[in-house]
Amino acid sequence: RMVRLLYFVSALSIACCLLAVQSPLTAAAQGGETPHERARELSNEGVALGKLERWAEALSAFRESAELVPRASTSYNIANALYRLERPVEGLEELDKFEAMSEVLINTAARERGVTLRRLLESAVAEIRLAITPAGANVFIDGRLTAGTGPVREIRLNPGPHSIRIAHEGYETSLREIRAQRGSRQAQTIALQPLTPSVPPAVALSKA
């Protein structure tokens, strides 16, 4: 059902030889091993884990490698692992970093691999369009405040269950649960109801 990307992982594992610029290293070598050596070990470990479909562990290894030595191949593999883990929104954010790297900008093959992976990531993203009243309400997805204002919000989601909370001072809060399907597009209209002002209870007066 999907194009397998392990071939891309293997192909990009040689991309380190194309890197012309790398970020300064701050990590000290441990146990006689340089940061570059440790980063390469972690990257190879991630590739091996990916071949076993152990993508959560592979992602952890790739990210640890990237913290030691940022490489285009590692950034690509992070985006690939996020795709496999059904986290395409984060995968696209990582792919943006990959495509902005100087060694990718000057390498046609690397750019083409990025285009292919972007197409797969985009196809997996779910989108929800919210028509909201009042327009200044805050939208929280899974407890996190989303960016954007106005009466219409278009939000990109990873596949799976999500909670939506719409809140505005002076209005009743709206809570909804949805399940986003891969590549789905849906729309919802949410009109918050004004809070009814509380009326203090009447005090009965007695005659003296």
Protein backbone atom coordinates (compact mmCIF):
# COMPACT_ATOMS: atom_id res chain seq x y z
CA ARG A 1 0.00 0.00 0.00
CA MET A 2 2.97 2.33 0.46
CA VAL A 3 6.30 2.74 -1.28
CA ARG A 4 8.95 1.29 0.98
CA LEU A 5 11.61 3.79 1.98
CA LEU A 6 14.36 1.54 3.26
CA TYR A 7 16.10 1.95 -0.09
CA PHE A 8 16.19 5.69 0.50
CA VAL A 9 17.57 5.15 4.00
CA SER A 10 20.34 2.96 2.65
CA ALA A 11 21.10 5.35 -0.20
CA LEU A 12 21.29 8.37 2.06
CA SER A 13 23.54 6.59 4.53
CA ILE A 14 26.39 7.54 2.15
CA ALA A 15 25.34 11.18 2.07
CA CYS A 16 27.79 12.03 4.85
CA CYS A 17 30.53 12.12 2.25
CA LEU A 18 28.65 14.96 0.53
CA LEU A 19 28.51 17.22 3.57
CA ALA A 20 30.58 20.34 3.12
CA VAL A 21 29.51 22.19 6.26
CA GLN A 22 28.69 20.79 9.67
CA SER A 23 27.61 22.52 12.84
CA PRO A 24 30.26 23.08 15.51
CA LEU A 25 30.52 20.23 17.99
CA THR A 26 30.08 20.84 21.69
CA ALA A 27 29.90 17.27 22.91
CA ALA A 28 33.12 15.84 24.24
CA ALA A 29 34.36 12.47 23.12
CA GLN A 30 33.48 9.70 25.55
CA GLY A 31 35.50 6.56 26.11
CA GLY A 32 38.01 7.53 23.45
CA GLU A 33 35.23 7.75 20.83
CA THR A 34 34.79 10.99 18.95
CA PRO A 35 31.34 12.56 18.50
CA HIS A 36 31.57 11.85 14.78
CA GLU A 37 32.23 8.17 15.38
CA ARG A 38 29.44 7.89 17.94
CA ALA A 39 27.02 9.73 15.65
CA ARG A 40 27.81 7.34 12.81
CA GLU A 41 27.30 4.32 15.10
CA LEU A 42 23.93 5.65 16.20
CA SER A 43 22.90 6.35 12.61
CA ASN A 44 23.85 2.82 11.54
CA GLU A 45 21.98 1.46 14.56
CA GLY A 46 18.90 3.41 13.49
CA VAL A 47 19.09 2.01 9.94
CA ALA A 48 19.37 -1.54 11.34
CA LEU A 49 16.38 -0.98 13.62
CA GLY A 50 14.38 0.43 10.73
CA LYS A 51 15.00 -2.72 8.71
CA LEU A 52 13.46 -4.62 11.63
CA GLU A 53 10.46 -2.25 11.58
CA ARG A 54 11.38 -1.01 15.07
CA TRP A 55 10.77 2.58 14.09
CA ALA A 56 10.33 4.12 17.53
CA GLU A 57 13.77 2.87 18.55
CA ALA A 58 15.20 3.87 15.18
CA LEU A 59 13.85 7.40 15.62
CA SER A 60 15.48 7.66 19.04
CA ALA A 61 18.84 6.56 17.62
CA PHE A 62 18.62 8.97 14.68
CA ARG A 63 17.76 11.90 16.92
CA GLU A 64 20.62 11.14 19.29
CA SER A 65 22.96 10.97 16.30
CA ALA A 66 21.68 14.32 15.01
CA GLU A 67 22.33 15.96 18.37
CA LEU A 68 25.99 14.94 18.12
CA VAL A 69 26.55 15.70 14.44
CA PRO A 70 23.82 17.20 12.22
CA ARG A 71 23.85 15.37 8.88
CA ALA A 72 21.46 15.46 5.94
CA SER A 73 21.22 11.67 5.90
CA THR A 74 20.22 11.62 9.58
CA SER A 75 17.63 14.37 9.13
CA TYR A 76 16.11 12.46 6.21
CA ASN A 77 16.01 9.27 8.26
CA ILE A 78 14.26 11.10 11.12
CA ALA A 79 11.55 12.29 8.71
CA ASN A 80 11.28 8.78 7.28
CA ALA A 81 10.88 7.25 10.75
CA LEU A 82 8.19 9.79 11.65
CA TYR A 83 6.32 8.82 8.48
CA ARG A 84 6.47 5.16 9.48
CA LEU A 85 5.20 6.04 12.95
CA GLU A 86 2.14 7.84 11.50
CA ARG A 87 3.47 11.24 12.57
CA PRO A 88 3.56 12.99 9.19
CA VAL A 89 3.05 16.51 10.58
CA GLU A 90 6.33 16.28 12.50
CA GLY A 91 7.89 14.46 9.57
CA LEU A 92 7.19 17.41 7.30
CA GLU A 93 8.77 19.79 9.82
CA GLU A 94 11.92 17.66 9.84
CA LEU A 95 11.90 17.40 6.05
CA ASP A 96 11.88 21.21 5.86
CA LYS A 97 15.16 21.17 7.82
CA PHE A 98 16.58 18.49 5.52
CA GLU A 99 15.74 20.40 2.35
CA ALA A 100 17.27 23.61 3.75
CA MET A 101 20.67 22.00 4.38
CA SER A 102 23.40 23.28 2.09
CA GLU A 103 24.57 19.76 1.15
CA VAL A 104 21.04 18.94 -0.03
CA LEU A 105 20.63 22.17 -1.97
CA ILE A 106 23.64 21.33 -4.11
CA ASN A 107 22.81 17.64 -4.59
CA THR A 108 20.11 16.78 -7.12
CA ALA A 109 19.66 13.16 -5.98
CA ALA A 110 19.14 14.22 -2.36
CA ARG A 111 16.58 16.84 -3.39
CA GLU A 112 14.68 14.26 -5.44
CA ARG A 113 14.56 11.87 -2.49
CA GLY A 114 13.18 14.72 -0.40
CA VAL A 115 10.46 15.40 -2.97
CA THR A 116 9.41 11.74 -2.95
CA LEU A 117 9.26 11.57 0.83
CA ARG A 118 7.35 14.87 1.02
CA ARG A 119 4.72 13.47 -1.32
CA LEU A 120 4.23 10.47 0.98
CA LEU A 121 4.12 12.58 4.12
CA GLU A 122 1.61 15.01 2.61
CA SER A 123 -0.65 12.12 1.61
CA ALA A 124 -0.72 10.86 5.21
CA VAL A 125 -1.63 14.19 6.86
CA ALA A 126 -5.24 14.68 7.98
CA GLU A 127 -6.79 18.14 7.88
CA ILE A 128 -9.71 19.63 9.77
CA ARG A 129 -11.38 22.94 8.95
CA LEU A 130 -13.07 24.59 11.91
CA ALA A 131 -15.64 27.38 11.52
CA ILE A 132 -15.64 29.03 14.96
CA THR A 133 -17.85 31.53 16.73
CA PRO A 134 -16.69 33.78 18.32
CA ALA A 135 -13.74 34.38 16.00
CA GLY A 136 -11.36 35.13 18.87
CA ALA A 137 -11.76 31.75 20.56
CA ASN A 138 -8.69 29.67 21.38
CA VAL A 139 -8.34 26.21 19.85
CA PHE A 140 -6.53 23.50 21.78
CA ILE A 141 -5.61 20.21 20.09
CA ASP A 142 -4.67 17.46 22.54
CA GLY A 143 -4.18 20.10 25.22
CA ARG A 144 -1.87 22.32 23.15
CA LEU A 145 -2.85 25.79 21.96
CA THR A 146 -2.79 26.04 18.17
CA ALA A 147 -1.59 29.04 16.18
CA GLY A 148 -3.92 31.22 14.19
CA THR A 149 -6.91 33.46 14.75
CA GLY A 150 -10.16 34.27 13.00
CA PRO A 151 -13.44 32.52 12.34
CA VAL A 152 -11.89 29.76 10.20
CA ARG A 153 -8.97 27.60 11.31
CA GLU A 154 -7.36 24.93 9.16
CA ILE A 155 -5.38 22.48 11.25
CA ARG A 156 -3.13 19.62 10.12
CA LEU A 157 -3.21 16.46 12.22
CA ASN A 158 -1.45 13.15 12.50
CA PRO A 159 -3.72 10.16 11.91
CA GLY A 160 -5.42 8.88 15.06
CA PRO A 161 -7.60 10.13 17.93
CA HIS A 162 -7.51 13.78 18.97
CA SER A 163 -9.31 15.99 21.46
CA ILE A 164 -10.44 19.48 20.46
CA ARG A 165 -11.20 22.17 23.00
CA ILE A 166 -12.55 25.58 21.98
CA ALA A 167 -12.52 28.22 24.72
CA HIS A 168 -13.29 31.93 25.03
CA GLU A 169 -13.85 34.09 28.07
CA GLY A 170 -17.55 34.56 28.71
CA TYR A 171 -18.58 31.48 26.70
CA GLU A 172 -19.13 27.83 27.49
CA THR A 173 -16.17 25.68 26.49
CA SER A 174 -16.72 23.14 23.70
CA LEU A 175 -15.05 19.72 23.95
CA ARG A 176 -14.96 17.24 21.07
CA GLU A 177 -13.23 13.97 20.32
CA ILE A 178 -12.38 13.03 16.74
CA ARG A 179 -10.49 10.28 14.94
CA ALA A 180 -8.49 11.52 11.97
CA GLN A 181 -7.93 9.11 9.11
CA ARG A 182 -4.84 9.19 6.91
CA GLY A 183 -5.27 11.81 4.22
CA SER A 184 -8.77 12.71 5.39
CA ARG A 185 -10.37 16.14 5.06
CA GLN A 186 -13.22 17.15 7.34
CA ALA A 187 -15.00 20.29 8.45
CA GLN A 188 -16.84 21.19 11.64
CA THR A 189 -18.79 24.23 12.78
CA ILE A 190 -18.50 25.16 16.45
CA ALA A 191 -20.53 28.00 17.92
CA LEU A 192 -19.82 28.64 21.57
CA GLN A 193 -22.78 29.57 23.75
CA PRO A 194 -22.56 32.69 25.94
CA LEU A 195 -22.49 32.01 29.64
CA THR A 196 -25.68 32.94 31.44
CA PRO A 197 -24.93 35.58 34.09
CA SER A 198 -25.48 34.21 37.55
CA VAL A 199 -28.30 35.93 39.42
CA PRO A 200 -27.92 36.16 43.19
CA PRO A 201 -30.82 34.56 45.07
CA ALA A 202 -33.49 36.97 46.25
CA VAL A 203 -33.40 37.77 49.94
CA ALA A 204 -36.79 37.68 51.64
CA LEU A 205 -37.47 40.69 53.83
CA SER A 206 -39.44 40.07 57.03
CA LYS A 207 -41.54 42.67 58.75
CA ALA A 208 -40.29 43.75 62.12
